[in-house]
Amino acid sequence: MPRSVNAVASRTRRKKLMKLTRGQFGRRKNVWTVAKNSWEKGQTYAYRDRRAKKRTFRALWIQRINAGARIYGLSYSVFMGKLHSKGIEMNRKVLADLAMNNPEAFKAIVNAVK
């Protein structure tokens, strides 16, 4: 009996992946094996960087809070320590946004902490 390969399903599966790699450079977009490897590696980078994004944003918020606090003579660690001892529950994302976009509100928080 001859071998059945189901070319319709195979072609559909390949076309789906080739559509995902459209826009990439060189053979990554039109050679099946290269495109498949490229897409798989991209997926691993995406998985890794979804976790790394959280770390990089936290570092950015800390830098912005530190810059805002130093204007008023406090370091980041001293400012955050006093903030917690006063019982002010604000996360770093909100504090960084206030330090950047609303300096008056950030100054009020610094004065409440001092």
PDB file of N, CA and C in Angstrom:
ATOM      1  N   MET A   1       0.836  -1.184   0.000  1.00  0.00           N
ATOM      2  CA  MET A   1       0.000   0.000   0.000  1.00  0.00           C
ATOM      3  C   MET A   1       0.880   1.248   0.000  1.00  0.00           C
ATOM      4  N   PRO A   2       0.562   2.245  -0.803  1.00  0.00           N
ATOM      5  CA  PRO A   2       1.406   3.447  -0.854  1.00  0.00           C
ATOM      6  C   PRO A   2       1.318   4.273   0.426  1.00  0.00           C
ATOM      7  N   ARG A   3       2.363   5.012   0.666  1.00  0.00           N
ATOM      8  CA  ARG A   3       2.454   5.829   1.885  1.00  0.00           C
ATOM      9  C   ARG A   3       1.609   7.083   1.730  1.00  0.00           C
ATOM     10  N   SER A   4       0.830   7.392   2.774  1.00  0.00           N
ATOM     11  CA  SER A   4      -0.005   8.600   2.764  1.00  0.00           C
ATOM     12  C   SER A   4       0.706   9.690   3.564  1.00  0.00           C
ATOM     13  N   VAL A   5       0.803  10.903   3.010  1.00  0.00           N
ATOM     14  CA  VAL A   5       1.580  11.946   3.668  1.00  0.00           C
ATOM     15  C   VAL A   5       0.754  13.148   4.107  1.00  0.00           C
ATOM     16  N   ASN A   6      -0.471  13.277   3.627  1.00  0.00           N
ATOM     17  CA  ASN A   6      -1.351  14.394   3.981  1.00  0.00           C
ATOM     18  C   ASN A   6      -0.660  15.733   3.726  1.00  0.00           C
ATOM     19  N   ALA A   7      -0.381  15.982   2.462  1.00  0.00           N
ATOM     20  CA  ALA A   7       0.330  17.196   2.057  1.00  0.00           C
ATOM     21  C   ALA A   7      -0.450  18.460   2.394  1.00  0.00           C
ATOM     22  N   VAL A   8      -1.769  18.374   2.420  1.00  0.00           N
ATOM     23  CA  VAL A   8      -2.590  19.559   2.712  1.00  0.00           C
ATOM     24  C   VAL A   8      -2.307  20.063   4.122  1.00  0.00           C
ATOM     25  N   ALA A   9      -2.296  19.157   5.095  1.00  0.00           N
ATOM     26  CA  ALA A   9      -2.052  19.548   6.482  1.00  0.00           C
ATOM     27  C   ALA A   9      -0.619  20.044   6.669  1.00  0.00           C
ATOM     28  N   SER A  10       0.338  19.364   5.996  1.00  0.00           N
ATOM     29  CA  SER A  10       1.742  19.772   6.113  1.00  0.00           C
ATOM     30  C   SER A  10       1.946  21.178   5.573  1.00  0.00           C
ATOM     31  N   ARG A  11       1.362  21.441   4.402  1.00  0.00           N
ATOM     32  CA  ARG A  11       1.507  22.760   3.786  1.00  0.00           C
ATOM     33  C   ARG A  11       0.847  23.834   4.644  1.00  0.00           C
ATOM     34  N   THR A  12      -0.310  23.521   5.211  1.00  0.00           N
ATOM     35  CA  THR A  12      -1.004  24.485   6.080  1.00  0.00           C
ATOM     36  C   THR A  12      -0.159  24.829   7.297  1.00  0.00           C
ATOM     37  N   ARG A  13       0.455  23.785   7.877  1.00  0.00           N
ATOM     38  CA  ARG A  13       1.284  24.002   9.063  1.00  0.00           C
ATOM     39  C   ARG A  13       2.497  24.865   8.715  1.00  0.00           C
ATOM     40  N   ARG A  14       3.123  24.584   7.565  1.00  0.00           N
ATOM     41  CA  ARG A  14       4.289  25.367   7.164  1.00  0.00           C
ATOM     42  C   ARG A  14       3.909  26.799   6.825  1.00  0.00           C
ATOM     43  N   LYS A  15       2.795  26.978   6.133  1.00  0.00           N
ATOM     44  CA  LYS A  15       2.361  28.330   5.757  1.00  0.00           C
ATOM     45  C   LYS A  15       2.078  29.170   6.998  1.00  0.00           C
ATOM     46  N   LYS A  16       1.527  28.531   8.035  1.00  0.00           N
ATOM     47  CA  LYS A  16       1.233  29.251   9.278  1.00  0.00           C
ATOM     48  C   LYS A  16       2.518  29.792   9.902  1.00  0.00           C
ATOM     49  N   LEU A  17       3.561  28.966   9.923  1.00  0.00           N
ATOM     50  CA  LEU A  17       4.828  29.416  10.495  1.00  0.00           C
ATOM     51  C   LEU A  17       5.515  30.428   9.592  1.00  0.00           C
ATOM     52  N   MET A  18       5.413  30.255   8.281  1.00  0.00           N
ATOM     53  CA  MET A  18       6.038  31.211   7.361  1.00  0.00           C
ATOM     54  C   MET A  18       5.370  32.581   7.478  1.00  0.00           C
ATOM     55  N   LYS A  19       4.082  32.581   7.786  1.00  0.00           N
ATOM     56  CA  LYS A  19       3.390  33.857   7.985  1.00  0.00           C
ATOM     57  C   LYS A  19       3.921  34.556   9.239  1.00  0.00           C
ATOM     58  N   LEU A  20       4.275  33.783  10.259  1.00  0.00           N
ATOM     59  CA  LEU A  20       4.800  34.367  11.499  1.00  0.00           C
ATOM     60  C   LEU A  20       6.186  34.965  11.315  1.00  0.00           C
ATOM     61  N   THR A  21       6.973  34.429  10.360  1.00  0.00           N
ATOM     62  CA  THR A  21       8.327  34.931  10.158  1.00  0.00           C
ATOM     63  C   THR A  21       8.399  35.975   9.048  1.00  0.00           C
ATOM     64  N   ARG A  22       7.264  36.360   8.496  1.00  0.00           N
ATOM     65  CA  ARG A  22       7.252  37.382   7.454  1.00  0.00           C
ATOM     66  C   ARG A  22       7.792  38.690   8.027  1.00  0.00           C
ATOM     67  N   GLY A  23       8.642  39.369   7.275  1.00  0.00           N
ATOM     68  CA  GLY A  23       9.226  40.611   7.748  1.00  0.00           C
ATOM     69  C   GLY A  23      10.630  40.431   8.308  1.00  0.00           C
ATOM     70  N   GLN A  24      11.068  39.183   8.483  1.00  0.00           N
ATOM     71  CA  GLN A  24      12.434  38.959   8.936  1.00  0.00           C
ATOM     72  C   GLN A  24      13.395  39.077   7.761  1.00  0.00           C
ATOM     73  N   PHE A  25      14.688  39.102   8.056  1.00  0.00           N
ATOM     74  CA  PHE A  25      15.712  39.395   7.054  1.00  0.00           C
ATOM     75  C   PHE A  25      16.255  38.116   6.442  1.00  0.00           C
ATOM     76  N   GLY A  26      16.498  38.175   5.146  1.00  0.00           N
ATOM     77  CA  GLY A  26      17.213  37.108   4.457  1.00  0.00           C
ATOM     78  C   GLY A  26      16.421  35.818   4.379  1.00  0.00           C
ATOM     79  N   ARG A  27      17.125  34.682   4.560  1.00  0.00           N
ATOM     80  CA  ARG A  27      16.486  33.370   4.427  1.00  0.00           C
ATOM     81  C   ARG A  27      15.545  33.066   5.579  1.00  0.00           C
ATOM     82  N   ARG A  28      15.593  33.864   6.628  1.00  0.00           N
ATOM     83  CA  ARG A  28      14.709  33.631   7.768  1.00  0.00           C
ATOM     84  C   ARG A  28      13.236  33.706   7.384  1.00  0.00           C
ATOM     85  N   LYS A  29      12.942  34.412   6.293  1.00  0.00           N
ATOM     86  CA  LYS A  29      11.547  34.603   5.920  1.00  0.00           C
ATOM     87  C   LYS A  29      11.046  33.629   4.868  1.00  0.00           C
ATOM     88  N   ASN A  30      11.953  32.937   4.139  1.00  0.00           N
ATOM     89  CA  ASN A  30      11.444  32.130   3.039  1.00  0.00           C
ATOM     90  C   ASN A  30      12.016  30.714   2.939  1.00  0.00           C
ATOM     91  N   VAL A  31      12.935  30.332   3.797  1.00  0.00           N
ATOM     92  CA  VAL A  31      13.454  28.961   3.811  1.00  0.00           C
ATOM     93  C   VAL A  31      12.921  28.284   5.066  1.00  0.00           C
ATOM     94  N   TRP A  32      12.248  27.161   4.867  1.00  0.00           N
ATOM     95  CA  TRP A  32      11.491  26.537   5.958  1.00  0.00           C
ATOM     96  C   TRP A  32      12.349  26.247   7.190  1.00  0.00           C
ATOM     97  N   THR A  33      13.494  25.578   7.027  1.00  0.00           N
ATOM     98  CA  THR A  33      14.274  25.187   8.199  1.00  0.00           C
ATOM     99  C   THR A  33      14.844  26.403   8.920  1.00  0.00           C
ATOM    100  N   VAL A  34      15.312  27.394   8.180  1.00  0.00           N
ATOM    101  CA  VAL A  34      15.872  28.598   8.790  1.00  0.00           C
ATOM    102  C   VAL A  34      14.765  29.383   9.488  1.00  0.00           C
ATOM    103  N   ALA A  35      13.603  29.482   8.824  1.00  0.00           N
ATOM    104  CA  ALA A  35      12.474  30.217   9.407  1.00  0.00           C
ATOM    105  C   ALA A  35      11.993  29.545  10.683  1.00  0.00           C
ATOM    106  N   LYS A  36      11.950  28.226  10.677  1.00  0.00           N
ATOM    107  CA  LYS A  36      11.491  27.482  11.859  1.00  0.00           C
ATOM    108  C   LYS A  36      12.432  27.718  13.042  1.00  0.00           C
ATOM    109  N   ASN A  37      13.740  27.614  12.785  1.00  0.00           N
ATOM    110  CA  ASN A  37      14.726  27.844  13.849  1.00  0.00           C
ATOM    111  C   ASN A  37      14.650  29.284  14.359  1.00  0.00           C
ATOM    112  N   SER A  38      14.492  30.221  13.439  1.00  0.00           N
ATOM    113  CA  SER A  38      14.420  31.633  13.795  1.00  0.00           C
ATOM    114  C   SER A  38      13.206  31.919  14.671  1.00  0.00           C
ATOM    115  N   TRP A  39      12.075  31.328  14.288  1.00  0.00           N
ATOM    116  CA  TRP A  39      10.842  31.552  15.050  1.00  0.00           C
ATOM    117  C   TRP A  39      10.955  30.934  16.439  1.00  0.00           C
ATOM    118  N   GLU A  40      11.512  29.722  16.529  1.00  0.00           N
ATOM    119  CA  GLU A  40      11.653  29.063  17.834  1.00  0.00           C
ATOM    120  C   GLU A  40      12.566  29.860  18.757  1.00  0.00           C
ATOM    121  N   LYS A  41      13.671  30.371  18.203  1.00  0.00           N
ATOM    122  CA  LYS A  41      14.593  31.157  19.025  1.00  0.00           C
ATOM    123  C   LYS A  41      13.938  32.457  19.466  1.00  0.00           C
ATOM    124  N   GLY A  42      13.142  33.050  18.573  1.00  0.00           N
ATOM    125  CA  GLY A  42      12.402  34.260  18.936  1.00  0.00           C
ATOM    126  C   GLY A  42      11.431  34.011  20.074  1.00  0.00           C
ATOM    127  N   GLN A  43      10.807  32.828  20.079  1.00  0.00           N
ATOM    128  CA  GLN A  43       9.878  32.497  21.155  1.00  0.00           C
ATOM    129  C   GLN A  43      10.601  32.358  22.491  1.00  0.00           C
ATOM    130  N   THR A  44      11.820  31.800  22.480  1.00  0.00           N
ATOM    131  CA  THR A  44      12.568  31.684  23.727  1.00  0.00           C
ATOM    132  C   THR A  44      12.985  33.056  24.240  1.00  0.00           C
ATOM    133  N   TYR A  45      13.372  33.955  23.303  1.00  0.00           N
ATOM    134  CA  TYR A  45      13.702  35.313  23.706  1.00  0.00           C
ATOM    135  C   TYR A  45      12.480  36.012  24.292  1.00  0.00           C
ATOM    136  N   ALA A  46      11.321  35.806  23.686  1.00  0.00           N
ATOM    137  CA  ALA A  46      10.097  36.444  24.167  1.00  0.00           C
ATOM    138  C   ALA A  46       9.766  35.963  25.581  1.00  0.00           C
ATOM    139  N   TYR A  47       9.913  34.666  25.813  1.00  0.00           N
ATOM    140  CA  TYR A  47       9.639  34.094  27.135  1.00  0.00           C
ATOM    141  C   TYR A  47      10.587  34.674  28.185  1.00  0.00           C
ATOM    142  N   ARG A  48      11.872  34.718  27.830  1.00  0.00           N
ATOM    143  CA  ARG A  48      12.881  35.246  28.749  1.00  0.00           C
ATOM    144  C   ARG A  48      12.639  36.721  29.046  1.00  0.00           C
ATOM    145  N   ASP A  49      12.350  37.492  27.990  1.00  0.00           N
ATOM    146  CA  ASP A  49      12.263  38.938  28.155  1.00  0.00           C
ATOM    147  C   ASP A  49      10.968  39.397  28.805  1.00  0.00           C
ATOM    148  N   ARG A  50       9.932  38.559  28.798  1.00  0.00           N
ATOM    149  CA  ARG A  50       8.742  38.909  29.571  1.00  0.00           C
ATOM    150  C   ARG A  50       9.069  38.948  31.056  1.00  0.00           C
ATOM    151  N   ARG A  51      10.010  38.141  31.477  1.00  0.00           N
ATOM    152  CA  ARG A  51      10.442  38.160  32.877  1.00  0.00           C
ATOM    153  C   ARG A  51      11.467  39.269  33.128  1.00  0.00           C
ATOM    154  N   ALA A  52      12.357  39.480  32.160  1.00  0.00           N
ATOM    155  CA  ALA A  52      13.389  40.511  32.319  1.00  0.00           C
ATOM    156  C   ALA A  52      12.780  41.904  32.327  1.00  0.00           C
ATOM    157  N   LYS A  53      11.650  42.081  31.632  1.00  0.00           N
ATOM    158  CA  LYS A  53      10.992  43.389  31.570  1.00  0.00           C
ATOM    159  C   LYS A  53      10.605  43.878  32.958  1.00  0.00           C
ATOM    160  N   LYS A  54      10.164  42.972  33.799  1.00  0.00           N
ATOM    161  CA  LYS A  54       9.769  43.337  35.163  1.00  0.00           C
ATOM    162  C   LYS A  54      10.972  43.863  35.954  1.00  0.00           C
ATOM    163  N   ARG A  55      12.129  43.230  35.755  1.00  0.00           N
ATOM    164  CA  ARG A  55      13.343  43.670  36.459  1.00  0.00           C
ATOM    165  C   ARG A  55      13.822  45.019  35.949  1.00  0.00           C
ATOM    166  N   THR A  56      13.788  45.204  34.625  1.00  0.00           N
ATOM    167  CA  THR A  56      14.300  46.460  34.077  1.00  0.00           C
ATOM    168  C   THR A  56      13.415  47.635  34.449  1.00  0.00           C
ATOM    169  N   PHE A  57      12.097  47.430  34.480  1.00  0.00           N
ATOM    170  CA  PHE A  57      11.212  48.519  34.870  1.00  0.00           C
ATOM    171  C   PHE A  57      11.376  48.867  36.343  1.00  0.00           C
ATOM    172  N   ARG A  58      11.564  47.857  37.202  1.00  0.00           N
ATOM    173  CA  ARG A  58      11.786  48.146  38.613  1.00  0.00           C
ATOM    174  C   ARG A  58      13.062  48.961  38.797  1.00  0.00           C
ATOM    175  N   ALA A  59      14.106  48.617  38.052  1.00  0.00           N
ATOM    176  CA  ALA A  59      15.362  49.370  38.132  1.00  0.00           C
ATOM    177  C   ALA A  59      15.166  50.810  37.663  1.00  0.00           C
ATOM    178  N   LEU A  60      14.382  50.995  36.614  1.00  0.00           N
ATOM    179  CA  LEU A  60      14.095  52.340  36.111  1.00  0.00           C
ATOM    180  C   LEU A  60      13.339  53.162  37.147  1.00  0.00           C
ATOM    181  N   TRP A  61      12.328  52.534  37.795  1.00  0.00           N
ATOM    182  CA  TRP A  61      11.558  53.255  38.819  1.00  0.00           C
ATOM    183  C   TRP A  61      12.452  53.660  39.980  1.00  0.00           C
ATOM    184  N   ILE A  62      13.359  52.776  40.373  1.00  0.00           N
ATOM    185  CA  ILE A  62      14.260  53.086  41.485  1.00  0.00           C
ATOM    186  C   ILE A  62      15.163  54.257  41.123  1.00  0.00           C
ATOM    187  N   GLN A  63      15.669  54.297  39.895  1.00  0.00           N
ATOM    188  CA  GLN A  63      16.518  55.412  39.465  1.00  0.00           C
ATOM    189  C   GLN A  63      15.749  56.724  39.487  1.00  0.00           C
ATOM    190  N   ARG A  64      14.501  56.697  39.052  1.00  0.00           N
ATOM    191  CA  ARG A  64      13.701  57.924  39.022  1.00  0.00           C
ATOM    192  C   ARG A  64      13.364  58.406  40.427  1.00  0.00           C
ATOM    193  N   ILE A  65      13.050  57.482  41.319  1.00  0.00           N
ATOM    194  CA  ILE A  65      12.766  57.865  42.708  1.00  0.00           C
ATOM    195  C   ILE A  65      14.024  58.428  43.347  1.00  0.00           C
ATOM    196  N   ASN A  66      15.166  57.816  43.101  1.00  0.00           N
ATOM    197  CA  ASN A  66      16.432  58.276  43.653  1.00  0.00           C
ATOM    198  C   ASN A  66      16.743  59.695  43.175  1.00  0.00           C
ATOM    199  N   ALA A  67      16.539  59.938  41.871  1.00  0.00           N
ATOM    200  CA  ALA A  67      16.806  61.277  41.330  1.00  0.00           C
ATOM    201  C   ALA A  67      15.870  62.300  41.962  1.00  0.00           C
ATOM    202  N   GLY A  68      14.596  61.924  42.132  1.00  0.00           N
ATOM    203  CA  GLY A  68      13.638  62.841  42.740  1.00  0.00           C
ATOM    204  C   GLY A  68      13.941  63.104  44.201  1.00  0.00           C
ATOM    205  N   ALA A  69      14.363  62.080  44.929  1.00  0.00           N
ATOM    206  CA  ALA A  69      14.636  62.229  46.357  1.00  0.00           C
ATOM    207  C   ALA A  69      15.913  63.020  46.609  1.00  0.00           C
ATOM    208  N   ARG A  70      16.909  62.887  45.745  1.00  0.00           N
ATOM    209  CA  ARG A  70      18.181  63.589  45.939  1.00  0.00           C
ATOM    210  C   ARG A  70      18.026  65.101  45.816  1.00  0.00           C
ATOM    211  N   ILE A  71      17.013  65.548  45.091  1.00  0.00           N
ATOM    212  CA  ILE A  71      16.751  66.987  45.003  1.00  0.00           C
ATOM    213  C   ILE A  71      16.468  67.559  46.393  1.00  0.00           C
ATOM    214  N   TYR A  72      15.840  66.737  47.232  1.00  0.00           N
ATOM    215  CA  TYR A  72      15.475  67.179  48.581  1.00  0.00           C
ATOM    216  C   TYR A  72      16.436  66.663  49.646  1.00  0.00           C
ATOM    217  N   GLY A  73      17.616  66.226  49.230  1.00  0.00           N
ATOM    218  CA  GLY A  73      18.668  65.851  50.176  1.00  0.00           C
ATOM    219  C   GLY A  73      18.534  64.465  50.769  1.00  0.00           C
ATOM    220  N   LEU A  74      17.799  63.579  50.147  1.00  0.00           N
ATOM    221  CA  LEU A  74      17.655  62.205  50.639  1.00  0.00           C
ATOM    222  C   LEU A  74      18.160  61.234  49.584  1.00  0.00           C
ATOM    223  N   SER A  75      18.765  60.149  50.029  1.00  0.00           N
ATOM    224  CA  SER A  75      19.106  59.088  49.085  1.00  0.00           C
ATOM    225  C   SER A  75      17.882  58.180  48.940  1.00  0.00           C
ATOM    226  N   TYR A  76      17.929  57.307  47.963  1.00  0.00           N
ATOM    227  CA  TYR A  76      16.807  56.399  47.725  1.00  0.00           C
ATOM    228  C   TYR A  76      16.547  55.513  48.929  1.00  0.00           C
ATOM    229  N   SER A  77      17.611  54.935  49.485  1.00  0.00           N
ATOM    230  CA  SER A  77      17.424  53.983  50.585  1.00  0.00           C
ATOM    231  C   SER A  77      16.871  54.674  51.826  1.00  0.00           C
ATOM    232  N   VAL A  78      17.367  55.875  52.113  1.00  0.00           N
ATOM    233  CA  VAL A  78      16.866  56.615  53.276  1.00  0.00           C
ATOM    234  C   VAL A  78      15.401  57.004  53.050  1.00  0.00           C
ATOM    235  N   PHE A  79      15.095  57.464  51.851  1.00  0.00           N
ATOM    236  CA  PHE A  79      13.725  57.866  51.527  1.00  0.00           C
ATOM    237  C   PHE A  79      12.762  56.694  51.673  1.00  0.00           C
ATOM    238  N   MET A  80      13.124  55.543  51.111  1.00  0.00           N
ATOM    239  CA  MET A  80      12.240  54.376  51.190  1.00  0.00           C
ATOM    240  C   MET A  80      12.129  53.861  52.629  1.00  0.00           C
ATOM    241  N   GLY A  81      13.228  53.931  53.381  1.00  0.00           N
ATOM    242  CA  GLY A  81      13.160  53.509  54.774  1.00  0.00           C
ATOM    243  C   GLY A  81      12.217  54.374  55.583  1.00  0.00           C
ATOM    244  N   LYS A  82      12.310  55.687  55.400  1.00  0.00           N
ATOM    245  CA  LYS A  82      11.419  56.603  56.115  1.00  0.00           C
ATOM    246  C   LYS A  82       9.964  56.445  55.652  1.00  0.00           C
ATOM    247  N   LEU A  83       9.793  56.172  54.374  1.00  0.00           N
ATOM    248  CA  LEU A  83       8.456  55.975  53.828  1.00  0.00           C
ATOM    249  C   LEU A  83       7.781  54.779  54.500  1.00  0.00           C
ATOM    250  N   HIS A  84       8.520  53.701  54.659  1.00  0.00           N
ATOM    251  CA  HIS A  84       7.954  52.507  55.285  1.00  0.00           C
ATOM    252  C   HIS A  84       7.748  52.701  56.779  1.00  0.00           C
ATOM    253  N   SER A  85       8.656  53.441  57.426  1.00  0.00           N
ATOM    254  CA  SER A  85       8.498  53.657  58.867  1.00  0.00           C
ATOM    255  C   SER A  85       7.300  54.549  59.172  1.00  0.00           C
ATOM    256  N   LYS A  86       6.963  55.461  58.261  1.00  0.00           N
ATOM    257  CA  LYS A  86       5.780  56.317  58.427  1.00  0.00           C
ATOM    258  C   LYS A  86       4.497  55.587  58.060  1.00  0.00           C
ATOM    259  N   GLY A  87       4.627  54.425  57.446  1.00  0.00           N
ATOM    260  CA  GLY A  87       3.452  53.641  57.079  1.00  0.00           C
ATOM    261  C   GLY A  87       2.771  54.101  55.799  1.00  0.00           C
ATOM    262  N   ILE A  88       3.505  54.794  54.938  1.00  0.00           N
ATOM    263  CA  ILE A  88       2.947  55.235  53.662  1.00  0.00           C
ATOM    264  C   ILE A  88       3.120  54.102  52.662  1.00  0.00           C
ATOM    265  N   GLU A  89       1.993  53.556  52.218  1.00  0.00           N
ATOM    266  CA  GLU A  89       2.011  52.406  51.312  1.00  0.00           C
ATOM    267  C   GLU A  89       1.857  52.885  49.873  1.00  0.00           C
ATOM    268  N   MET A  90       2.978  53.138  49.202  1.00  0.00           N
ATOM    269  CA  MET A  90       2.968  53.496  47.785  1.00  0.00           C
ATOM    270  C   MET A  90       4.005  52.647  47.081  1.00  0.00           C
ATOM    271  N   ASN A  91       3.640  52.104  45.938  1.00  0.00           N
ATOM    272  CA  ASN A  91       4.607  51.277  45.223  1.00  0.00           C
ATOM    273  C   ASN A  91       5.562  52.139  44.414  1.00  0.00           C
ATOM    274  N   ARG A  92       6.628  51.511  43.938  1.00  0.00           N
ATOM    275  CA  ARG A  92       7.686  52.239  43.248  1.00  0.00           C
ATOM    276  C   ARG A  92       7.219  52.816  41.914  1.00  0.00           C
ATOM    277  N   LYS A  93       6.294  52.136  41.273  1.00  0.00           N
ATOM    278  CA  LYS A  93       5.797  52.610  39.987  1.00  0.00           C
ATOM    279  C   LYS A  93       5.098  53.955  40.151  1.00  0.00           C
ATOM    280  N   VAL A  94       4.261  54.075  41.165  1.00  0.00           N
ATOM    281  CA  VAL A  94       3.527  55.329  41.409  1.00  0.00           C
ATOM    282  C   VAL A  94       4.485  56.421  41.862  1.00  0.00           C
ATOM    283  N   LEU A  95       5.412  56.087  42.744  1.00  0.00           N
ATOM    284  CA  LEU A  95       6.379  57.076  43.224  1.00  0.00           C
ATOM    285  C   LEU A  95       7.240  57.609  42.075  1.00  0.00           C
ATOM    286  N   ALA A  96       7.669  56.727  41.183  1.00  0.00           N
ATOM    287  CA  ALA A  96       8.478  57.159  40.048  1.00  0.00           C
ATOM    288  C   ALA A  96       7.682  58.060  39.117  1.00  0.00           C
ATOM    289  N   ASP A  97       6.410  57.741  38.918  1.00  0.00           N
ATOM    290  CA  ASP A  97       5.568  58.572  38.063  1.00  0.00           C
ATOM    291  C   ASP A  97       5.365  59.949  38.688  1.00  0.00           C
ATOM    292  N   LEU A  98       5.172  59.998  39.991  1.00  0.00           N
ATOM    293  CA  LEU A  98       5.025  61.295  40.668  1.00  0.00           C
ATOM    294  C   LEU A  98       6.321  62.099  40.586  1.00  0.00           C
ATOM    295  N   ALA A  99       7.447  61.439  40.779  1.00  0.00           N
ATOM    296  CA  ALA A  99       8.732  62.139  40.732  1.00  0.00           C
ATOM    297  C   ALA A  99       8.980  62.740  39.350  1.00  0.00           C
ATOM    298  N   MET A 100       8.548  62.045  38.302  1.00  0.00           N
ATOM    299  CA  MET A 100       8.762  62.523  36.929  1.00  0.00           C
ATOM    300  C   MET A 100       7.726  63.568  36.522  1.00  0.00           C
ATOM    301  N   ASN A 101       6.459  63.255  36.719  1.00  0.00           N
ATOM    302  CA  ASN A 101       5.379  64.024  36.091  1.00  0.00           C
ATOM    303  C   ASN A 101       4.635  64.970  37.028  1.00  0.00           C
ATOM    304  N   ASN A 102       4.802  64.789  38.338  1.00  0.00           N
ATOM    305  CA  ASN A 102       4.080  65.624  39.286  1.00  0.00           C
ATOM    306  C   ASN A 102       4.986  65.957  40.474  1.00  0.00           C
ATOM    307  N   PRO A 103       5.966  66.837  40.256  1.00  0.00           N
ATOM    308  CA  PRO A 103       6.949  67.107  41.312  1.00  0.00           C
ATOM    309  C   PRO A 103       6.339  67.694  42.582  1.00  0.00           C
ATOM    310  N   GLU A 104       5.220  68.430  42.467  1.00  0.00           N
ATOM    311  CA  GLU A 104       4.591  69.012  43.665  1.00  0.00           C
ATOM    312  C   GLU A 104       4.082  67.916  44.591  1.00  0.00           C
ATOM    313  N   ALA A 105       3.433  66.918  44.022  1.00  0.00           N
ATOM    314  CA  ALA A 105       2.922  65.810  44.831  1.00  0.00           C
ATOM    315  C   ALA A 105       4.081  65.020  45.441  1.00  0.00           C
ATOM    316  N   PHE A 106       5.157  64.833  44.680  1.00  0.00           N
ATOM    317  CA  PHE A 106       6.314  64.112  45.206  1.00  0.00           C
ATOM    318  C   PHE A 106       6.949  64.894  46.350  1.00  0.00           C
ATOM    319  N   LYS A 107       6.983  66.226  46.213  1.00  0.00           N
ATOM    320  CA  LYS A 107       7.539  67.074  47.291  1.00  0.00           C
ATOM    321  C   LYS A 107       6.687  66.951  48.546  1.00  0.00           C
ATOM    322  N   ALA A 108       5.370  66.865  48.381  1.00  0.00           N
ATOM    323  CA  ALA A 108       4.496  66.687  49.534  1.00  0.00           C
ATOM    324  C   ALA A 108       4.783  65.372  50.249  1.00  0.00           C
ATOM    325  N   ILE A 109       5.052  64.330  49.482  1.00  0.00           N
ATOM    326  CA  ILE A 109       5.380  63.026  50.092  1.00  0.00           C
ATOM    327  C   ILE A 109       6.713  63.129  50.813  1.00  0.00           C
ATOM    328  N   VAL A 110       7.690  63.786  50.210  1.00  0.00           N
ATOM    329  CA  VAL A 110       8.999  63.941  50.852  1.00  0.00           C
ATOM    330  C   VAL A 110       8.863  64.730  52.148  1.00  0.00           C
ATOM    331  N   ASN A 111       8.061  65.792  52.145  1.00  0.00           N
ATOM    332  CA  ASN A 111       7.858  66.589  53.360  1.00  0.00           C
ATOM    333  C   ASN A 111       7.125  65.793  54.433  1.00  0.00           C
ATOM    334  N   ALA A 112       6.207  64.925  54.035  1.00  0.00           N
ATOM    335  CA  ALA A 112       5.512  64.085  55.011  1.00  0.00           C
ATOM    336  C   ALA A 112       6.460  63.068  55.628  1.00  0.00           C
ATOM    337  N   VAL A 113       7.459  62.665  54.879  1.00  0.00           N
ATOM    338  CA  VAL A 113       8.415  61.664  55.359  1.00  0.00           C
ATOM    339  C   VAL A 113       9.463  62.283  56.263  1.00  0.00           C
ATOM    340  N   LYS A 114       9.885  63.523  55.969  1.00  0.00           N
ATOM    341  CA  LYS A 114      10.964  64.162  56.738  1.00  0.00           C
ATOM    342  C   LYS A 114      10.542  64.439  58.174  1.00  0.00           C
TER     343      LYS A 114
END
